[in-house]
Amino acid sequence: MKANGGSGSNSSGGFASWERLPCYVFRPYHGHDDHGAMAAVRLGCVQRDRIDARSVVEGIPTAAEIAEASAKLDDPSQNQVLVEHNGGVVGYATVRWWQERDGTWLYLHRGYLLPEHRGQGIGSAMLDWAENSIRQLVQRHGTTQTAVFGANAMASERDATALLLETGYRRVFSLVELELADLRRLPDGKPLPGGIRVGAVDPSSYRAAWETVVDSYADAAFTERWTFESFLATADPTCWRAGWDGENMAGVALCSIRRQDSTVGEVEELSVRAESRRLGLGRALLMDGLRCLREHGAETARLYTGTANPHRSYDLYESVGFRRQNEYVRYRKPIAA
């Protein structure tokens, strides 16, 4: 599919803007042979976009990690497009979707383009491909009434941010990533009230742990539906900790060692039920999880949380020693009829 092709559209989405880019070719994803080139694009964006290699939100993926992410797409050859210049891959874009708790269908697109190829309309053409592909998906899925465009960008990605704002996207929320730089220096714990205990999570408690997390997001906006099956598919309970108030699970800290770097631990979830908050349980769970990460070889820990978090989580994380690293902004735009 050459950028100066005649009709301006085809079954993979609209390509009208590509005719302005005669030196570029937009083509479908071909599978295994593309993963190395896609990883090279991501690496080539690091300096310009100030990408954090240790990020647990969006770092620098390897070819193997890109292969894994591509395999999770509904139809990778239709929902990814690669951009070539003089036979080499200089960018790519991906589309994925899911339903949120309030019934909204979010169609998320994400594009990456080497800095030396920006400012020539290529990013706009990639955005056109994504939006046209999404419109076709929405029609096929029958989700017109509840579907929206979604896009992500780090606060430091100035080029992507400018393009999104220029094309009608608006910031709806953001995630902040924090790091605890040295797990050897953890503050002392504090005693819990009588009747509350903290311990490991065994398989008989998996459903209770899942329900605790899901219930904690009951009033949160922009959250994806999370099934128990999805929870089980990625379960790694080695550093999971739970708190019980009597016989009832009152909170969980789901911590794990990063596959990409075993020296980095991640606090994936820290959730305490409303009736058990302000008792010190969240701090006790967090500290127990961090100690477990340290025992399993982690030297630092990362986590992320929403900037509009109503439970004053920042106060807790900062009291333990976490410090802010990056901000990841989430944008949305209505899908015009």
C-alpha atoms as a PDB file:
ATOM      1  CA  MET A   1       0.000   0.000   0.000  1.00  0.00           C
ATOM      2  CA  LYS A   2       1.983   2.966  -1.220  1.00  0.00           C
ATOM      3  CA  ALA A   3       1.435   6.395   0.222  1.00  0.00           C
ATOM      4  CA  ASN A   4       0.603   7.783  -3.219  1.00  0.00           C
ATOM      5  CA  GLY A   5      -1.973   5.086  -4.001  1.00  0.00           C
ATOM      6  CA  GLY A   6      -4.961   6.153  -6.087  1.00  0.00           C
ATOM      7  CA  SER A   7      -8.250   5.579  -4.266  1.00  0.00           C
ATOM      8  CA  GLY A   8      -7.339   6.833  -0.794  1.00  0.00           C
ATOM      9  CA  SER A   9      -9.085   3.968   1.060  1.00  0.00           C
ATOM     10  CA  ASN A  10      -9.177   0.199   1.324  1.00  0.00           C
ATOM     11  CA  SER A  11     -10.467  -2.585   3.563  1.00  0.00           C
ATOM     12  CA  SER A  12      -7.885  -1.892   6.280  1.00  0.00           C
ATOM     13  CA  GLY A  13      -9.044   1.674   6.879  1.00  0.00           C
ATOM     14  CA  GLY A  14      -8.819   5.056   5.182  1.00  0.00           C
ATOM     15  CA  PHE A  15      -5.590   6.153   3.560  1.00  0.00           C
ATOM     16  CA  ALA A  16      -6.592   9.475   1.997  1.00  0.00           C
ATOM     17  CA  SER A  17      -3.851  11.386   3.780  1.00  0.00           C
ATOM     18  CA  TRP A  18      -1.160   9.005   2.561  1.00  0.00           C
ATOM     19  CA  GLU A  19      -1.134  10.397  -0.956  1.00  0.00           C
ATOM     20  CA  ARG A  20       0.735  13.382   0.450  1.00  0.00           C
ATOM     21  CA  LEU A  21       3.580  11.060   1.468  1.00  0.00           C
ATOM     22  CA  PRO A  22       4.989   9.605  -1.761  1.00  0.00           C
ATOM     23  CA  CYS A  23       8.213   8.353  -0.145  1.00  0.00           C
ATOM     24  CA  TYR A  24       6.479   6.224   2.456  1.00  0.00           C
ATOM     25  CA  VAL A  25       4.706   2.874   2.375  1.00  0.00           C
ATOM     26  CA  PHE A  26       2.028   1.862   4.887  1.00  0.00           C
ATOM     27  CA  ARG A  27       1.670  -1.911   5.090  1.00  0.00           C
ATOM     28  CA  PRO A  28       0.052  -4.509   7.367  1.00  0.00           C
ATOM     29  CA  TYR A  29       1.936  -6.255  10.133  1.00  0.00           C
ATOM     30  CA  HIS A  30       3.520  -9.470   8.827  1.00  0.00           C
ATOM     31  CA  GLY A  31       4.311 -11.304  12.048  1.00  0.00           C
ATOM     32  CA  HIS A  32       7.605 -12.582  13.444  1.00  0.00           C
ATOM     33  CA  ASP A  33       9.858 -10.806  10.952  1.00  0.00           C
ATOM     34  CA  ASP A  34       8.550  -7.385  12.057  1.00  0.00           C
ATOM     35  CA  HIS A  35       9.207  -7.606  15.784  1.00  0.00           C
ATOM     36  CA  GLY A  36      12.864  -6.589  15.686  1.00  0.00           C
ATOM     37  CA  ALA A  37      12.141  -3.576  13.494  1.00  0.00           C
ATOM     38  CA  MET A  38       9.263  -2.492  15.753  1.00  0.00           C
ATOM     39  CA  ALA A  39      11.528  -2.765  18.812  1.00  0.00           C
ATOM     40  CA  ALA A  40      14.130  -0.654  16.999  1.00  0.00           C
ATOM     41  CA  VAL A  41      11.510   2.068  16.444  1.00  0.00           C
ATOM     42  CA  ARG A  42      10.732   2.139  20.154  1.00  0.00           C
ATOM     43  CA  LEU A  43      14.411   2.353  21.026  1.00  0.00           C
ATOM     44  CA  GLY A  44      14.890   5.153  18.510  1.00  0.00           C
ATOM     45  CA  CYS A  45      12.231   7.268  20.261  1.00  0.00           C
ATOM     46  CA  VAL A  46      13.825   7.095  23.706  1.00  0.00           C
ATOM     47  CA  GLN A  47      15.934  10.254  23.687  1.00  0.00           C
ATOM     48  CA  ARG A  48      13.424  12.581  21.992  1.00  0.00           C
ATOM     49  CA  ASP A  49      10.466  11.405  24.080  1.00  0.00           C
ATOM     50  CA  ARG A  50      12.467  10.894  27.315  1.00  0.00           C
ATOM     51  CA  ILE A  51      11.232   7.340  27.759  1.00  0.00           C
ATOM     52  CA  ASP A  52      11.931   5.715  31.121  1.00  0.00           C
ATOM     53  CA  ALA A  53      13.505   2.316  30.467  1.00  0.00           C
ATOM     54  CA  ARG A  54      12.463   1.006  33.908  1.00  0.00           C
ATOM     55  CA  SER A  55       8.847   2.095  33.658  1.00  0.00           C
ATOM     56  CA  VAL A  56       6.168  -0.437  34.601  1.00  0.00           C
ATOM     57  CA  VAL A  57       3.585   1.529  32.594  1.00  0.00           C
ATOM     58  CA  GLU A  58       5.334   1.874  29.260  1.00  0.00           C
ATOM     59  CA  GLY A  59       9.059   1.296  28.969  1.00  0.00           C
ATOM     60  CA  ILE A  60      11.247   0.047  26.120  1.00  0.00           C
ATOM     61  CA  PRO A  61       9.943  -3.344  24.929  1.00  0.00           C
ATOM     62  CA  THR A  62      12.115  -6.041  23.429  1.00  0.00           C
ATOM     63  CA  ALA A  63      11.216  -7.834  20.204  1.00  0.00           C
ATOM     64  CA  ALA A  64       9.950 -10.765  22.298  1.00  0.00           C
ATOM     65  CA  GLU A  65       7.677  -8.479  24.321  1.00  0.00           C
ATOM     66  CA  ILE A  66       6.308  -6.885  21.153  1.00  0.00           C
ATOM     67  CA  ALA A  67       5.618 -10.376  19.802  1.00  0.00           C
ATOM     68  CA  GLU A  68       3.726 -11.210  22.991  1.00  0.00           C
ATOM     69  CA  ALA A  69       1.672  -8.000  22.820  1.00  0.00           C
ATOM     70  CA  SER A  70       0.897  -8.547  19.138  1.00  0.00           C
ATOM     71  CA  ALA A  71      -0.328 -12.074  19.828  1.00  0.00           C
ATOM     72  CA  LYS A  72      -2.914 -10.666  22.236  1.00  0.00           C
ATOM     73  CA  LEU A  73      -4.510  -8.511  19.543  1.00  0.00           C
ATOM     74  CA  ASP A  74      -7.762  -9.741  18.044  1.00  0.00           C
ATOM     75  CA  ASP A  75      -6.338  -9.683  14.499  1.00  0.00           C
ATOM     76  CA  PRO A  76      -2.746  -8.365  14.451  1.00  0.00           C
ATOM     77  CA  SER A  77      -2.510  -8.128  10.665  1.00  0.00           C
ATOM     78  CA  GLN A  78      -5.570  -5.861  10.556  1.00  0.00           C
ATOM     79  CA  ASN A  79      -5.038  -3.943  13.795  1.00  0.00           C
ATOM     80  CA  GLN A  80      -1.413  -2.956  13.272  1.00  0.00           C
ATOM     81  CA  VAL A  81       0.159  -0.975  10.473  1.00  0.00           C
ATOM     82  CA  LEU A  82       3.863  -0.447   9.786  1.00  0.00           C
ATOM     83  CA  VAL A  83       5.372   2.566   8.020  1.00  0.00           C
ATOM     84  CA  GLU A  84       8.362   1.993   5.745  1.00  0.00           C
ATOM     85  CA  HIS A  85      10.798   4.478   4.221  1.00  0.00           C
ATOM     86  CA  ASN A  86      13.414   3.274   1.730  1.00  0.00           C
ATOM     87  CA  GLY A  87      12.662  -0.310   2.752  1.00  0.00           C
ATOM     88  CA  GLY A  88      13.119   0.211   6.494  1.00  0.00           C
ATOM     89  CA  VAL A  89      10.460   0.404   9.192  1.00  0.00           C
ATOM     90  CA  VAL A  90      10.299   3.913  10.679  1.00  0.00           C
ATOM     91  CA  GLY A  91       7.032   3.706  12.613  1.00  0.00           C
ATOM     92  CA  TYR A  92       3.996   1.647  13.498  1.00  0.00           C
ATOM     93  CA  ALA A  93       0.530   2.017  14.995  1.00  0.00           C
ATOM     94  CA  THR A  94      -1.714  -0.385  16.894  1.00  0.00           C
ATOM     95  CA  VAL A  95      -5.440  -0.507  17.697  1.00  0.00           C
ATOM     96  CA  ARG A  96      -7.031  -2.418  20.593  1.00  0.00           C
ATOM     97  CA  TRP A  97     -10.309  -2.140  22.483  1.00  0.00           C
ATOM     98  CA  TRP A  98     -12.165  -3.138  25.640  1.00  0.00           C
ATOM     99  CA  GLN A  99     -15.325  -2.383  27.588  1.00  0.00           C
ATOM    100  CA  GLU A 100     -15.219  -0.333  30.760  1.00  0.00           C
ATOM    101  CA  ARG A 101     -17.274  -0.848  33.895  1.00  0.00           C
ATOM    102  CA  ASP A 102     -19.789   1.847  32.944  1.00  0.00           C
ATOM    103  CA  GLY A 103     -20.449   0.250  29.536  1.00  0.00           C
ATOM    104  CA  THR A 104     -18.173   2.526  27.483  1.00  0.00           C
ATOM    105  CA  TRP A 105     -16.271   0.806  24.672  1.00  0.00           C
ATOM    106  CA  LEU A 106     -12.791   2.321  24.484  1.00  0.00           C
ATOM    107  CA  TYR A 107     -10.957   1.941  21.175  1.00  0.00           C
ATOM    108  CA  LEU A 108      -7.338   2.779  21.952  1.00  0.00           C
ATOM    109  CA  HIS A 109      -4.751   3.580  19.306  1.00  0.00           C
ATOM    110  CA  ARG A 110      -1.060   4.095  19.927  1.00  0.00           C
ATOM    111  CA  GLY A 111       1.533   5.176  17.383  1.00  0.00           C
ATOM    112  CA  TYR A 112       5.334   5.332  17.397  1.00  0.00           C
ATOM    113  CA  LEU A 113       7.422   7.196  14.814  1.00  0.00           C
ATOM    114  CA  LEU A 114      11.161   7.802  14.678  1.00  0.00           C
ATOM    115  CA  PRO A 115      11.910  11.474  15.460  1.00  0.00           C
ATOM    116  CA  GLU A 116      13.691  12.170  12.166  1.00  0.00           C
ATOM    117  CA  HIS A 117      10.495  11.329  10.274  1.00  0.00           C
ATOM    118  CA  ARG A 118       8.204  13.603  12.283  1.00  0.00           C
ATOM    119  CA  GLY A 119       6.884  16.942  11.095  1.00  0.00           C
ATOM    120  CA  GLN A 120       6.085  15.686   7.576  1.00  0.00           C
ATOM    121  CA  GLY A 121       2.497  14.570   8.009  1.00  0.00           C
ATOM    122  CA  ILE A 122       3.337  10.932   8.698  1.00  0.00           C
ATOM    123  CA  GLY A 123       2.037  11.019  12.260  1.00  0.00           C
ATOM    124  CA  SER A 124      -1.212  12.543  11.001  1.00  0.00           C
ATOM    125  CA  ALA A 125      -1.527   9.794   8.399  1.00  0.00           C
ATOM    126  CA  MET A 126      -0.984   7.135  11.066  1.00  0.00           C
ATOM    127  CA  LEU A 127      -3.693   8.787  13.159  1.00  0.00           C
ATOM    128  CA  ASP A 128      -6.037   8.771  10.148  1.00  0.00           C
ATOM    129  CA  TRP A 129      -5.398   5.058   9.643  1.00  0.00           C
ATOM    130  CA  ALA A 130      -6.169   4.337  13.282  1.00  0.00           C
ATOM    131  CA  GLU A 131      -9.367   6.380  13.394  1.00  0.00           C
ATOM    132  CA  ASN A 132     -10.695   4.967  10.127  1.00  0.00           C
ATOM    133  CA  SER A 133      -9.896   1.432  11.261  1.00  0.00           C
ATOM    134  CA  ILE A 134     -11.703   2.082  14.534  1.00  0.00           C
ATOM    135  CA  ARG A 135     -14.786   3.438  12.752  1.00  0.00           C
ATOM    136  CA  GLN A 136     -14.999   0.194  10.786  1.00  0.00           C
ATOM    137  CA  LEU A 137     -14.570  -1.853  13.956  1.00  0.00           C
ATOM    138  CA  VAL A 138     -17.298   0.115  15.744  1.00  0.00           C
ATOM    139  CA  GLN A 139     -19.710  -0.555  12.882  1.00  0.00           C
ATOM    140  CA  ARG A 140     -18.797  -4.230  12.875  1.00  0.00           C
ATOM    141  CA  HIS A 141     -19.110  -4.548  16.664  1.00  0.00           C
ATOM    142  CA  GLY A 142     -22.354  -2.586  16.881  1.00  0.00           C
ATOM    143  CA  THR A 143     -20.957  -0.323  19.606  1.00  0.00           C
ATOM    144  CA  THR A 144     -21.709   3.047  17.992  1.00  0.00           C
ATOM    145  CA  GLN A 145     -23.742   4.370  20.919  1.00  0.00           C
ATOM    146  CA  THR A 146     -21.041   3.856  23.547  1.00  0.00           C
ATOM    147  CA  ALA A 147     -17.717   3.899  21.659  1.00  0.00           C
ATOM    148  CA  VAL A 148     -14.999   6.558  21.974  1.00  0.00           C
ATOM    149  CA  PHE A 149     -11.525   7.059  20.557  1.00  0.00           C
ATOM    150  CA  GLY A 150      -8.720   6.710  23.108  1.00  0.00           C
ATOM    151  CA  ALA A 151      -5.039   7.622  22.906  1.00  0.00           C
ATOM    152  CA  ASN A 152      -2.113   7.640  25.333  1.00  0.00           C
ATOM    153  CA  ALA A 153       0.996   9.785  25.609  1.00  0.00           C
ATOM    154  CA  MET A 154       3.600  10.419  28.259  1.00  0.00           C
ATOM    155  CA  ALA A 155       3.742  14.024  29.415  1.00  0.00           C
ATOM    156  CA  SER A 156       7.249  14.151  27.923  1.00  0.00           C
ATOM    157  CA  GLU A 157       6.048  13.069  24.449  1.00  0.00           C
ATOM    158  CA  ARG A 158       5.638  16.593  23.129  1.00  0.00           C
ATOM    159  CA  ASP A 159       5.072  15.669  19.491  1.00  0.00           C
ATOM    160  CA  ALA A 160       2.355  13.098  20.196  1.00  0.00           C
ATOM    161  CA  THR A 161       0.670  15.413  22.704  1.00  0.00           C
ATOM    162  CA  ALA A 162       0.560  18.291  20.220  1.00  0.00           C
ATOM    163  CA  LEU A 163      -0.900  16.075  17.475  1.00  0.00           C
ATOM    164  CA  LEU A 164      -3.634  14.729  19.728  1.00  0.00           C
ATOM    165  CA  LEU A 165      -4.665  18.157  20.982  1.00  0.00           C
ATOM    166  CA  GLU A 166      -4.649  19.577  17.451  1.00  0.00           C
ATOM    167  CA  THR A 167      -7.003  16.835  16.255  1.00  0.00           C
ATOM    168  CA  GLY A 168      -9.630  17.249  18.951  1.00  0.00           C
ATOM    169  CA  TYR A 169      -8.496  14.899  21.704  1.00  0.00           C
ATOM    170  CA  ARG A 170      -8.923  16.026  25.293  1.00  0.00           C
ATOM    171  CA  ARG A 171      -7.161  14.902  28.440  1.00  0.00           C
ATOM    172  CA  VAL A 172      -9.489  12.907  30.705  1.00  0.00           C
ATOM    173  CA  PHE A 173      -7.114  11.615  33.384  1.00  0.00           C
ATOM    174  CA  SER A 174      -3.514  10.625  33.977  1.00  0.00           C
ATOM    175  CA  LEU A 175      -1.432   8.044  35.777  1.00  0.00           C
ATOM    176  CA  VAL A 176       1.619   8.930  37.844  1.00  0.00           C
ATOM    177  CA  GLU A 177       4.424   6.432  38.267  1.00  0.00           C
ATOM    178  CA  LEU A 178       6.443   6.390  41.487  1.00  0.00           C
ATOM    179  CA  GLU A 179       9.682   4.657  42.452  1.00  0.00           C
ATOM    180  CA  LEU A 180      11.158   3.501  45.734  1.00  0.00           C
ATOM    181  CA  ALA A 181      14.830   3.660  44.852  1.00  0.00           C
ATOM    182  CA  ASP A 182      16.307   1.405  47.554  1.00  0.00           C
ATOM    183  CA  LEU A 183      14.404  -1.493  49.085  1.00  0.00           C
ATOM    184  CA  ARG A 184      17.158  -1.975  51.658  1.00  0.00           C
ATOM    185  CA  ARG A 185      15.953   1.146  53.466  1.00  0.00           C
ATOM    186  CA  LEU A 186      12.379   0.501  54.443  1.00  0.00           C
ATOM    187  CA  PRO A 187      10.828   2.345  57.367  1.00  0.00           C
ATOM    188  CA  ASP A 188       9.670   0.422  60.390  1.00  0.00           C
ATOM    189  CA  GLY A 189       6.145  -0.946  60.411  1.00  0.00           C
ATOM    190  CA  LYS A 190       3.435   0.049  62.842  1.00  0.00           C
ATOM    191  CA  PRO A 191       1.264  -2.275  64.945  1.00  0.00           C
ATOM    192  CA  LEU A 192      -2.196  -3.144  63.655  1.00  0.00           C
ATOM    193  CA  PRO A 193      -5.367  -3.044  65.733  1.00  0.00           C
ATOM    194  CA  GLY A 194      -6.354  -6.287  67.428  1.00  0.00           C
ATOM    195  CA  GLY A 195      -8.205  -8.762  65.239  1.00  0.00           C
ATOM    196  CA  ILE A 196      -6.437  -7.714  62.016  1.00  0.00           C
ATOM    197  CA  ARG A 197      -3.721  -9.948  60.592  1.00  0.00           C
ATOM    198  CA  VAL A 198      -1.575  -9.908  57.432  1.00  0.00           C
ATOM    199  CA  GLY A 199      -0.336 -12.971  55.554  1.00  0.00           C
ATOM    200  CA  ALA A 200       0.216 -14.717  52.229  1.00  0.00           C
ATOM    201  CA  VAL A 201      -2.565 -15.403  49.718  1.00  0.00           C
ATOM    202  CA  ASP A 202      -3.184 -19.063  48.937  1.00  0.00           C
ATOM    203  CA  PRO A 203      -5.314 -20.404  46.042  1.00  0.00           C
ATOM    204  CA  SER A 204      -8.393 -20.748  48.245  1.00  0.00           C
ATOM    205  CA  SER A 205      -8.347 -16.956  48.699  1.00  0.00           C
ATOM    206  CA  TYR A 206      -7.852 -15.955  45.050  1.00  0.00           C
ATOM    207  CA  ARG A 207     -11.493 -15.091  44.445  1.00  0.00           C
ATOM    208  CA  ALA A 208     -11.667 -13.028  47.620  1.00  0.00           C
ATOM    209  CA  ALA A 209      -8.516 -11.159  46.553  1.00  0.00           C
ATOM    210  CA  TRP A 210      -9.971 -10.464  43.110  1.00  0.00           C
ATOM    211  CA  GLU A 211     -13.260  -9.274  44.595  1.00  0.00           C
ATOM    212  CA  THR A 212     -11.398  -6.965  46.982  1.00  0.00           C
ATOM    213  CA  VAL A 213      -9.618  -5.260  44.089  1.00  0.00           C
ATOM    214  CA  VAL A 214     -12.708  -5.080  41.860  1.00  0.00           C
ATOM    215  CA  ASP A 215     -14.842  -3.662  44.659  1.00  0.00           C
ATOM    216  CA  SER A 216     -12.262  -0.967  45.362  1.00  0.00           C
ATOM    217  CA  TYR A 217     -12.847   0.391  41.837  1.00  0.00           C
ATOM    218  CA  ALA A 218     -16.642   0.407  42.151  1.00  0.00           C
ATOM    219  CA  ASP A 219     -16.883   4.211  41.979  1.00  0.00           C
ATOM    220  CA  ALA A 220     -13.821   4.819  39.796  1.00  0.00           C
ATOM    221  CA  ALA A 221     -14.222   6.170  36.266  1.00  0.00           C
ATOM    222  CA  PHE A 222     -12.382   4.901  33.176  1.00  0.00           C
ATOM    223  CA  THR A 223     -11.720   1.410  34.534  1.00  0.00           C
ATOM    224  CA  GLU A 224     -11.727  -1.742  32.427  1.00  0.00           C
ATOM    225  CA  ARG A 225     -13.942  -4.689  33.226  1.00  0.00           C
ATOM    226  CA  TRP A 226     -11.686  -7.272  34.908  1.00  0.00           C
ATOM    227  CA  THR A 227     -12.925 -10.846  34.977  1.00  0.00           C
ATOM    228  CA  PHE A 228     -11.828 -13.493  37.451  1.00  0.00           C
ATOM    229  CA  GLU A 229     -10.518 -15.515  34.488  1.00  0.00           C
ATOM    230  CA  SER A 230      -8.257 -12.611  33.489  1.00  0.00           C
ATOM    231  CA  PHE A 231      -7.070 -12.322  37.076  1.00  0.00           C
ATOM    232  CA  LEU A 232      -6.162 -16.018  37.174  1.00  0.00           C
ATOM    233  CA  ALA A 233      -4.404 -15.890  33.798  1.00  0.00           C
ATOM    234  CA  THR A 234      -1.704 -13.581  35.150  1.00  0.00           C
ATOM    235  CA  ALA A 235      -1.683 -14.699  38.793  1.00  0.00           C
ATOM    236  CA  ASP A 236       1.784 -14.740  40.394  1.00  0.00           C
ATOM    237  CA  PRO A 237       1.128 -15.033  44.142  1.00  0.00           C
ATOM    238  CA  THR A 238       4.737 -15.244  45.361  1.00  0.00           C
ATOM    239  CA  CYS A 239       4.648 -11.719  46.821  1.00  0.00           C
ATOM    240  CA  TRP A 240       0.910 -11.292  47.259  1.00  0.00           C
ATOM    241  CA  ARG A 241      -0.205 -10.225  50.724  1.00  0.00           C
ATOM    242  CA  ALA A 242      -3.676  -9.956  52.198  1.00  0.00           C
ATOM    243  CA  GLY A 243      -5.148  -8.583  55.398  1.00  0.00           C
ATOM    244  CA  TRP A 244      -8.036 -10.156  57.282  1.00  0.00           C
ATOM    245  CA  ASP A 245     -10.343  -8.528  59.786  1.00  0.00           C
ATOM    246  CA  GLY A 246     -11.520 -11.597  61.605  1.00  0.00           C
ATOM    247  CA  GLU A 247     -12.506 -14.073  58.897  1.00  0.00           C
ATOM    248  CA  ASN A 248     -13.123 -11.450  56.196  1.00  0.00           C
ATOM    249  CA  MET A 249     -10.509 -10.289  53.713  1.00  0.00           C
ATOM    250  CA  ALA A 250     -10.125  -6.549  54.245  1.00  0.00           C
ATOM    251  CA  GLY A 251      -7.338  -5.653  51.807  1.00  0.00           C
ATOM    252  CA  VAL A 252      -4.663  -6.910  49.416  1.00  0.00           C
ATOM    253  CA  ALA A 253      -1.249  -5.920  48.103  1.00  0.00           C
ATOM    254  CA  LEU A 254      -0.490  -7.703  44.831  1.00  0.00           C
ATOM    255  CA  CYS A 255       3.259  -7.392  44.288  1.00  0.00           C
ATOM    256  CA  SER A 256       5.465  -9.095  41.710  1.00  0.00           C
ATOM    257  CA  ILE A 257       8.999  -9.234  40.343  1.00  0.00           C
ATOM    258  CA  ARG A 258       9.285  -7.746  36.875  1.00  0.00           C
ATOM    259  CA  ARG A 259       9.966 -10.354  34.207  1.00  0.00           C
ATOM    260  CA  GLN A 260      11.971  -7.806  32.217  1.00  0.00           C
ATOM    261  CA  ASP A 261      14.282  -6.974  35.126  1.00  0.00           C
ATOM    262  CA  SER A 262      14.405  -9.122  38.255  1.00  0.00           C
ATOM    263  CA  THR A 263      15.914  -6.243  40.252  1.00  0.00           C
ATOM    264  CA  VAL A 264      12.662  -4.274  39.928  1.00  0.00           C
ATOM    265  CA  GLY A 265       9.567  -5.101  41.931  1.00  0.00           C
ATOM    266  CA  GLU A 266       6.092  -3.805  41.173  1.00  0.00           C
ATOM    267  CA  VAL A 267       3.154  -3.066  43.442  1.00  0.00           C
ATOM    268  CA  GLU A 268       0.420  -3.913  40.957  1.00  0.00           C
ATOM    269  CA  GLU A 269      -2.537  -3.353  43.278  1.00  0.00           C
ATOM    270  CA  LEU A 270      -3.022  -2.036  46.800  1.00  0.00           C
ATOM    271  CA  SER A 271      -6.675  -2.159  47.797  1.00  0.00           C
ATOM    272  CA  VAL A 272      -8.374  -1.865  51.182  1.00  0.00           C
ATOM    273  CA  ARG A 273     -12.120  -2.167  51.680  1.00  0.00           C
ATOM    274  CA  ALA A 274     -13.863   1.025  52.770  1.00  0.00           C
ATOM    275  CA  GLU A 275     -14.802  -0.235  56.224  1.00  0.00           C
ATOM    276  CA  SER A 276     -11.162  -1.153  56.985  1.00  0.00           C
ATOM    277  CA  ARG A 277      -9.458   2.071  55.915  1.00  0.00           C
ATOM    278  CA  ARG A 278      -7.664   4.467  58.285  1.00  0.00           C
ATOM    279  CA  LEU A 279      -6.530   1.561  60.461  1.00  0.00           C
ATOM    280  CA  GLY A 280      -3.008   1.264  59.068  1.00  0.00           C
ATOM    281  CA  LEU A 281      -3.825  -1.857  57.040  1.00  0.00           C
ATOM    282  CA  GLY A 282      -2.810  -0.347  53.694  1.00  0.00           C
ATOM    283  CA  ARG A 283       0.611   0.591  55.027  1.00  0.00           C
ATOM    284  CA  ALA A 284       1.078  -2.827  56.672  1.00  0.00           C
ATOM    285  CA  LEU A 285       0.187  -4.637  53.422  1.00  0.00           C
ATOM    286  CA  LEU A 286       2.456  -2.389  51.382  1.00  0.00           C
ATOM    287  CA  MET A 287       5.403  -2.863  53.741  1.00  0.00           C
ATOM    288  CA  ASP A 288       4.931  -6.634  53.859  1.00  0.00           C
ATOM    289  CA  GLY A 289       4.796  -6.784  50.060  1.00  0.00           C
ATOM    290  CA  LEU A 290       7.929  -4.633  49.701  1.00  0.00           C
ATOM    291  CA  ARG A 291       9.826  -6.831  52.152  1.00  0.00           C
ATOM    292  CA  CYS A 292       8.827  -9.887  50.131  1.00  0.00           C
ATOM    293  CA  LEU A 293      10.029  -8.249  46.916  1.00  0.00           C
ATOM    294  CA  ARG A 294      13.361  -7.524  48.590  1.00  0.00           C
ATOM    295  CA  GLU A 295      13.664 -11.130  49.773  1.00  0.00           C
ATOM    296  CA  HIS A 296      13.142 -12.277  46.169  1.00  0.00           C
ATOM    297  CA  GLY A 297      15.935 -10.130  44.751  1.00  0.00           C
ATOM    298  CA  ALA A 298      14.294  -6.800  43.945  1.00  0.00           C
ATOM    299  CA  GLU A 299      16.417  -3.730  44.664  1.00  0.00           C
ATOM    300  CA  THR A 300      13.860  -1.071  43.725  1.00  0.00           C
ATOM    301  CA  ALA A 301      10.075  -0.948  43.446  1.00  0.00           C
ATOM    302  CA  ARG A 302       7.650   0.821  41.140  1.00  0.00           C
ATOM    303  CA  LEU A 303       3.918   1.483  41.150  1.00  0.00           C
ATOM    304  CA  TYR A 304       1.437   3.794  39.461  1.00  0.00           C
ATOM    305  CA  THR A 305      -1.781   5.426  40.539  1.00  0.00           C
ATOM    306  CA  GLY A 306      -4.347   7.814  39.113  1.00  0.00           C
ATOM    307  CA  THR A 307      -3.853  11.526  39.749  1.00  0.00           C
ATOM    308  CA  ALA A 308      -7.482  11.815  40.854  1.00  0.00           C
ATOM    309  CA  ASN A 309      -7.186   9.009  43.425  1.00  0.00           C
ATOM    310  CA  PRO A 310      -9.637   9.938  46.217  1.00  0.00           C
ATOM    311  CA  HIS A 311      -8.006   7.821  48.932  1.00  0.00           C
ATOM    312  CA  ARG A 312      -4.868   9.974  49.488  1.00  0.00           C
ATOM    313  CA  SER A 313      -2.657   7.129  48.264  1.00  0.00           C
ATOM    314  CA  TYR A 314       0.174   9.566  47.529  1.00  0.00           C
ATOM    315  CA  ASP A 315       0.523  10.335  51.224  1.00  0.00           C
ATOM    316  CA  LEU A 316       1.016   6.655  52.000  1.00  0.00           C
ATOM    317  CA  TYR A 317       3.441   5.996  49.152  1.00  0.00           C
ATOM    318  CA  GLU A 318       5.537   9.071  49.883  1.00  0.00           C
ATOM    319  CA  SER A 319       5.674   8.247  53.604  1.00  0.00           C
ATOM    320  CA  VAL A 320       7.307   4.937  52.677  1.00  0.00           C
ATOM    321  CA  GLY A 321       9.809   6.631  50.361  1.00  0.00           C
ATOM    322  CA  PHE A 322       8.280   6.470  46.877  1.00  0.00           C
ATOM    323  CA  ARG A 323       9.002   9.443  44.622  1.00  0.00           C
ATOM    324  CA  ARG A 324       7.266  10.583  41.434  1.00  0.00           C
ATOM    325  CA  GLN A 325       8.926   9.645  38.128  1.00  0.00           C
ATOM    326  CA  ASN A 326       6.608  10.021  35.129  1.00  0.00           C
ATOM    327  CA  GLU A 327       3.097  11.046  34.142  1.00  0.00           C
ATOM    328  CA  TYR A 328       1.092   9.120  31.540  1.00  0.00           C
ATOM    329  CA  VAL A 329      -1.822  11.084  30.101  1.00  0.00           C
ATOM    330  CA  ARG A 330      -4.977   9.449  28.759  1.00  0.00           C
ATOM    331  CA  TYR A 331      -6.876  11.265  25.994  1.00  0.00           C
ATOM    332  CA  ARG A 332     -10.283  10.697  24.431  1.00  0.00           C
ATOM    333  CA  LYS A 333     -12.378  12.009  21.565  1.00  0.00           C
ATOM    334  CA  PRO A 334     -15.960  11.291  20.488  1.00  0.00           C
ATOM    335  CA  ILE A 335     -16.406   9.138  17.396  1.00  0.00           C
ATOM    336  CA  ALA A 336     -18.405  11.322  15.030  1.00  0.00           C
ATOM    337  CA  ALA A 337     -21.481   9.678  13.496  1.00  0.00           C
END
